[in-house]
C-alpha atoms as a PDB file:
ATOM      1  CA  MET A   1      27.307  10.651  -7.442  1.00  0.00           C
ATOM      2  CA  TYR A   2      23.871   9.049  -7.530  1.00  0.00           C
ATOM      3  CA  ARG A   3      22.223   8.996 -10.946  1.00  0.00           C
ATOM      4  CA  PHE A   4      18.486   8.820 -11.242  1.00  0.00           C
ATOM      5  CA  ARG A   5      17.055   6.243 -13.595  1.00  0.00           C
ATOM      6  CA  ASN A   6      14.093   8.381 -14.549  1.00  0.00           C
ATOM      7  CA  THR A   7      12.048  11.407 -13.524  1.00  0.00           C
ATOM      8  CA  LYS A   8       9.541   9.282 -11.622  1.00  0.00           C
ATOM      9  CA  GLU A   9      12.308   8.125  -9.289  1.00  0.00           C
ATOM     10  CA  LYS A  10      13.323  11.752  -8.743  1.00  0.00           C
ATOM     11  CA  ARG A  11       9.760  12.672  -7.753  1.00  0.00           C
ATOM     12  CA  PHE A  12       9.548   9.724  -5.312  1.00  0.00           C
ATOM     13  CA  LEU A  13      12.787  10.669  -3.584  1.00  0.00           C
ATOM     14  CA  ARG A  14      11.976  14.373  -3.495  1.00  0.00           C
ATOM     15  CA  THR A  15       8.603  13.681  -1.887  1.00  0.00           C
ATOM     16  CA  ARG A  16      10.066  11.289   0.684  1.00  0.00           C
ATOM     17  CA  ALA A  17      12.735  13.831   1.675  1.00  0.00           C
ATOM     18  CA  ASN A  18      10.040  16.202   2.957  1.00  0.00           C
ATOM     19  CA  ILE A  19       7.490  13.830   4.487  1.00  0.00           C
ATOM     20  CA  ARG A  20       8.000  11.904   7.734  1.00  0.00           C
ATOM     21  CA  GLY A  21       5.301  10.080   9.649  1.00  0.00           C
ATOM     22  CA  THR A  22       5.162   9.786  13.433  1.00  0.00           C
ATOM     23  CA  GLY A  23       3.213   7.538  15.765  1.00  0.00           C
ATOM     24  CA  ASP A  24       0.589  10.256  16.308  1.00  0.00           C
ATOM     25  CA  LYS A  25       0.394  11.319  12.661  1.00  0.00           C
ATOM     26  CA  PRO A  26       1.654   8.491  10.419  1.00  0.00           C
ATOM     27  CA  ARG A  27       2.407   8.728   6.719  1.00  0.00           C
ATOM     28  CA  LEU A  28      -0.312   7.383   4.409  1.00  0.00           C
ATOM     29  CA  SER A  29       1.611   5.768   1.573  1.00  0.00           C
ATOM     30  CA  VAL A  30      -0.337   4.752  -1.528  1.00  0.00           C
ATOM     31  CA  PHE A  31       1.030   2.396  -4.187  1.00  0.00           C
ATOM     32  CA  ARG A  32      -0.691   1.931  -7.516  1.00  0.00           C
ATOM     33  CA  SER A  33       0.076  -1.009  -9.771  1.00  0.00           C
ATOM     34  CA  ASN A  34      -1.512  -1.618 -13.151  1.00  0.00           C
ATOM     35  CA  LYS A  35      -4.309  -3.645 -11.549  1.00  0.00           C
ATOM     36  CA  TYR A  36      -4.507  -2.798  -7.853  1.00  0.00           C
ATOM     37  CA  ILE A  37      -4.126  -0.025  -5.296  1.00  0.00           C
ATOM     38  CA  TYR A  38      -2.432  -0.584  -1.920  1.00  0.00           C
ATOM     39  CA  ALA A  39      -2.292   1.734   1.096  1.00  0.00           C
ATOM     40  CA  GLN A  40      -0.402   1.715   4.401  1.00  0.00           C
ATOM     41  CA  LEU A  41       0.003   3.949   7.424  1.00  0.00           C
ATOM     42  CA  ILE A  42       3.698   4.086   8.328  1.00  0.00           C
ATOM     43  CA  ASP A  43       5.531   5.393  11.394  1.00  0.00           C
ATOM     44  CA  ASP A  44       8.871   6.464   9.878  1.00  0.00           C
ATOM     45  CA  PHE A  45      10.622   7.090  13.196  1.00  0.00           C
ATOM     46  CA  SER A  46      10.011   3.522  14.386  1.00  0.00           C
ATOM     47  CA  GLY A  47      10.163   2.020  10.902  1.00  0.00           C
ATOM     48  CA  VAL A  48       6.872   0.195  11.457  1.00  0.00           C
ATOM     49  CA  THR A  49       3.771  -0.233   9.311  1.00  0.00           C
ATOM     50  CA  LEU A  50       0.833   0.524  11.598  1.00  0.00           C
ATOM     51  CA  VAL A  51      -2.103  -0.280   9.288  1.00  0.00           C
ATOM     52  CA  SER A  52      -2.250  -1.917   5.876  1.00  0.00           C
ATOM     53  CA  VAL A  53      -5.103  -2.769   3.494  1.00  0.00           C
ATOM     54  CA  ASP A  54      -3.235  -4.736   0.860  1.00  0.00           C
ATOM     55  CA  SER A  55      -4.624  -8.107   1.970  1.00  0.00           C
ATOM     56  CA  GLU A  56      -8.172  -7.030   1.064  1.00  0.00           C
ATOM     57  CA  VAL A  57      -7.257  -5.822  -2.398  1.00  0.00           C
ATOM     58  CA  LEU A  58      -8.680  -8.697  -4.423  1.00  0.00           C
ATOM     59  CA  ALA A  59     -12.131  -8.506  -2.856  1.00  0.00           C
ATOM     60  CA  ALA A  60     -12.337  -4.742  -3.331  1.00  0.00           C
ATOM     61  CA  HIS A  61     -11.364  -4.832  -7.006  1.00  0.00           C
ATOM     62  CA  LYS A  62     -13.735  -7.596  -8.132  1.00  0.00           C
ATOM     63  CA  GLY A  63     -15.993  -6.113 -10.828  1.00  0.00           C
ATOM     64  CA  LYS A  64     -15.338  -2.468  -9.912  1.00  0.00           C
ATOM     65  CA  SER A  65     -13.473   0.429 -11.456  1.00  0.00           C
ATOM     66  CA  LYS A  66     -10.178   1.569  -9.942  1.00  0.00           C
ATOM     67  CA  THR A  67     -11.804   4.667  -8.474  1.00  0.00           C
ATOM     68  CA  GLU A  68     -14.587   2.661  -6.800  1.00  0.00           C
ATOM     69  CA  ALA A  69     -12.071   0.143  -5.456  1.00  0.00           C
ATOM     70  CA  ALA A  70      -9.887   2.962  -4.115  1.00  0.00           C
ATOM     71  CA  ALA A  71     -12.889   4.417  -2.278  1.00  0.00           C
ATOM     72  CA  ILE A  72     -13.631   1.032  -0.679  1.00  0.00           C
ATOM     73  CA  LEU A  73      -9.997   0.622   0.352  1.00  0.00           C
ATOM     74  CA  GLY A  74     -10.062   4.125   1.854  1.00  0.00           C
ATOM     75  CA  GLU A  75     -13.076   3.206   3.969  1.00  0.00           C
ATOM     76  CA  LYS A  76     -11.372  -0.002   5.160  1.00  0.00           C
ATOM     77  CA  MET A  77      -8.210   1.957   5.938  1.00  0.00           C
ATOM     78  CA  ALA A  78     -10.213   4.468   7.992  1.00  0.00           C
ATOM     79  CA  GLU A  79     -11.916   1.686   9.963  1.00  0.00           C
ATOM     80  CA  LYS A  80      -8.613  -0.015  10.790  1.00  0.00           C
ATOM     81  CA  ALA A  81      -6.972   3.303  11.702  1.00  0.00           C
ATOM     82  CA  LYS A  82      -9.814   4.203  14.072  1.00  0.00           C
ATOM     83  CA  GLU A  83      -9.441   0.818  15.778  1.00  0.00           C
ATOM     84  CA  LYS A  84      -5.780   1.662  16.458  1.00  0.00           C
ATOM     85  CA  GLY A  85      -6.660   5.196  17.632  1.00  0.00           C
ATOM     86  CA  ILE A  86      -5.234   7.024  14.602  1.00  0.00           C
ATOM     87  CA  THR A  87      -7.263  10.056  13.540  1.00  0.00           C
ATOM     88  CA  LYS A  88      -4.773  12.058  11.452  1.00  0.00           C
ATOM     89  CA  ALA A  89      -2.276  11.144   8.749  1.00  0.00           C
ATOM     90  CA  ILE A  90       0.147  12.808   6.352  1.00  0.00           C
ATOM     91  CA  PHE A  91      -0.694  11.970   2.739  1.00  0.00           C
ATOM     92  CA  ASP A  92       2.242  10.726   0.660  1.00  0.00           C
ATOM     93  CA  LYS A  93       1.301  10.511  -3.003  1.00  0.00           C
ATOM     94  CA  GLY A  94       4.782   9.281  -3.855  1.00  0.00           C
ATOM     95  CA  GLY A  95       5.934  10.188  -7.323  1.00  0.00           C
ATOM     96  CA  TYR A  96       2.537   9.880  -8.946  1.00  0.00           C
ATOM     97  CA  LEU A  97       1.422  12.878 -10.969  1.00  0.00           C
ATOM     98  CA  SER A  98      -2.204  11.862 -11.395  1.00  0.00           C
ATOM     99  CA  LEU A  99      -4.155  11.922  -8.157  1.00  0.00           C
ATOM    100  CA  ILE A 100      -7.399  10.474  -9.501  1.00  0.00           C
ATOM    101  CA  HIS A 101      -7.021   7.012  -7.972  1.00  0.00           C
ATOM    102  CA  ILE A 102      -4.304   7.915  -5.490  1.00  0.00           C
ATOM    103  CA  SER A 103      -6.255  10.528  -3.527  1.00  0.00           C
ATOM    104  CA  GLU A 104      -9.520   8.560  -3.492  1.00  0.00           C
ATOM    105  CA  PRO A 105      -8.618   6.625  -0.289  1.00  0.00           C
ATOM    106  CA  THR A 106      -8.069   9.928   1.529  1.00  0.00           C
ATOM    107  CA  ARG A 107     -11.426  11.560   0.840  1.00  0.00           C
ATOM    108  CA  PRO A 108     -13.616  12.003   3.901  1.00  0.00           C
ATOM    109  CA  TYR A 109     -16.701   9.769   4.042  1.00  0.00           C
END
């Protein structure tokens, strides 16, 4: 029997059990560390990351709050997704309870 290490791990696994991204509507996965925020669009059926904005993290976070940086990353994610022809995505907040910084990249601009 699998034992969970903590409740956060339970929330992550429970969320992932219900969300699957496709090529037409990929999963928008957001990861938040203590300093930075990363986002990716993932096609779960192919097991491929379609778009990622983690390489631009340092420039977006220089001298800005986490919320401002998340908004900038969301805009960059939208630009890259449009270039690849992706217009819709399924939002995966993972196991995070607070959506302040996590949902910022998904707001429409």
